[in-house]
C-alpha atoms as a PDB file:
ATOM      1  CA  MET A   1     135.647 164.377 153.367  1.00  0.00           C
ATOM      2  CA  TYR A   2     134.233 161.914 150.858  1.00  0.00           C
ATOM      3  CA  SER A   3     132.566 158.951 152.577  1.00  0.00           C
ATOM      4  CA  GLY A   4     131.750 156.804 149.534  1.00  0.00           C
ATOM      5  CA  PHE A   5     133.889 154.187 147.855  1.00  0.00           C
ATOM      6  CA  CYS A   6     137.584 154.307 148.678  1.00  0.00           C
ATOM      7  CA  CYS A   7     140.358 153.085 146.418  1.00  0.00           C
ATOM      8  CA  SER A   8     140.523 149.566 147.853  1.00  0.00           C
ATOM      9  CA  ASP A   9     136.727 149.167 147.709  1.00  0.00           C
ATOM     10  CA  TRP A  10     136.260 149.780 143.997  1.00  0.00           C
ATOM     11  CA  ARG A  11     139.585 148.311 142.885  1.00  0.00           C
ATOM     12  CA  SER A  12     138.549 144.827 143.999  1.00  0.00           C
ATOM     13  CA  GLN A  13     135.339 145.131 141.967  1.00  0.00           C
ATOM     14  CA  LYS A  14     136.970 146.293 138.734  1.00  0.00           C
ATOM     15  CA  ILE A  15     137.108 143.974 135.743  1.00  0.00           C
ATOM     16  CA  SER A  16     139.364 144.912 132.807  1.00  0.00           C
ATOM     17  CA  LYS A  17     140.024 143.310 129.448  1.00  0.00           C
ATOM     18  CA  SER A  18     142.970 144.394 127.314  1.00  0.00           C
ATOM     19  CA  TYR A  19     143.155 143.844 123.584  1.00  0.00           C
ATOM     20  CA  ALA A  20     146.262 143.266 121.468  1.00  0.00           C
ATOM     21  CA  PRO A  21     148.077 146.508 120.630  1.00  0.00           C
ATOM     22  CA  LYS A  22     147.661 148.038 117.183  1.00  0.00           C
ATOM     23  CA  TYR A  23     149.548 150.722 115.303  1.00  0.00           C
ATOM     24  CA  LEU A  24     147.775 153.764 113.900  1.00  0.00           C
ATOM     25  CA  ASP A  25     149.704 156.494 112.104  1.00  0.00           C
ATOM     26  CA  GLY A  26     152.932 155.079 113.521  1.00  0.00           C
ATOM     27  CA  LYS A  27     151.674 155.240 117.113  1.00  0.00           C
ATOM     28  CA  ARG A  28     150.985 152.228 119.301  1.00  0.00           C
ATOM     29  CA  ILE A  29     147.433 152.124 120.675  1.00  0.00           C
ATOM     30  CA  GLN A  30     145.772 149.555 122.884  1.00  0.00           C
ATOM     31  CA  THR A  31     142.098 149.276 123.739  1.00  0.00           C
ATOM     32  CA  VAL A  32     141.064 148.460 127.297  1.00  0.00           C
ATOM     33  CA  ASP A  33     137.490 147.760 128.406  1.00  0.00           C
ATOM     34  CA  THR A  34     136.839 148.407 132.094  1.00  0.00           C
ATOM     35  CA  TYR A  35     133.705 147.320 133.942  1.00  0.00           C
ATOM     36  CA  TYR A  36     132.704 147.617 137.590  1.00  0.00           C
ATOM     37  CA  SER A  37     130.709 144.907 139.333  1.00  0.00           C
ATOM     38  CA  ALA A  38     129.385 147.280 142.020  1.00  0.00           C
ATOM     39  CA  VAL A  39     125.713 148.132 142.150  1.00  0.00           C
ATOM     40  CA  GLY A  40     124.636 151.718 142.638  1.00  0.00           C
ATOM     41  CA  ILE A  41     125.604 155.193 141.594  1.00  0.00           C
ATOM     42  CA  LEU A  42     129.212 156.310 141.742  1.00  0.00           C
ATOM     43  CA  ASP A  43     129.564 160.026 142.335  1.00  0.00           C
ATOM     44  CA  GLU A  44     132.415 161.812 140.625  1.00  0.00           C
ATOM     45  CA  LEU A  45     134.955 163.157 143.109  1.00  0.00           C
ATOM     46  CA  THR A  46     136.037 166.765 143.100  1.00  0.00           C
ATOM     47  CA  PRO A  47     139.804 167.316 142.810  1.00  0.00           C
ATOM     48  CA  LYS A  48     139.926 168.148 146.540  1.00  0.00           C
ATOM     49  CA  GLU A  49     138.019 164.994 147.500  1.00  0.00           C
ATOM     50  CA  MET A  50     140.220 162.900 145.215  1.00  0.00           C
ATOM     51  CA  GLU A  51     143.355 164.278 146.884  1.00  0.00           C
ATOM     52  CA  GLU A  52     141.917 163.518 150.354  1.00  0.00           C
ATOM     53  CA  VAL A  53     141.112 159.932 149.369  1.00  0.00           C
ATOM     54  CA  PHE A  54     144.562 159.528 147.793  1.00  0.00           C
ATOM     55  CA  GLN A  55     146.355 160.851 150.901  1.00  0.00           C
ATOM     56  CA  LYS A  56     144.271 158.573 153.135  1.00  0.00           C
ATOM     57  CA  SER A  57     145.144 155.602 150.901  1.00  0.00           C
ATOM     58  CA  LEU A  58     148.864 156.467 151.114  1.00  0.00           C
ATOM     59  CA  ALA A  59     148.684 156.742 154.915  1.00  0.00           C
ATOM     60  CA  GLU A  60     146.935 153.355 155.176  1.00  0.00           C
ATOM     61  CA  ARG A  61     149.515 151.777 152.856  1.00  0.00           C
ATOM     62  CA  LYS A  62     152.376 153.130 154.994  1.00  0.00           C
ATOM     63  CA  LYS A  63     150.735 151.677 158.120  1.00  0.00           C
ATOM     64  CA  THR A  64     150.538 148.192 156.581  1.00  0.00           C
ATOM     65  CA  GLU A  65     154.099 148.374 155.214  1.00  0.00           C
ATOM     66  CA  THR A  66     155.584 149.305 158.608  1.00  0.00           C
ATOM     67  CA  ALA A  67     153.472 146.807 160.568  1.00  0.00           C
END
């Protein structure tokens, strides 16, 4: 099981800036810059680790919604 950052940890440290949408070849595009204010190295999760973190996040969300 992955023991690094969980969803709620990195989400609170994410900073995003969206730009006005543009049209290119008849398709709507929108640029988004995303920065993280955390210090350190973020390891990329394997698909299995990502699923484990996602399921844990869902279980925690259900606990807070029923409490």
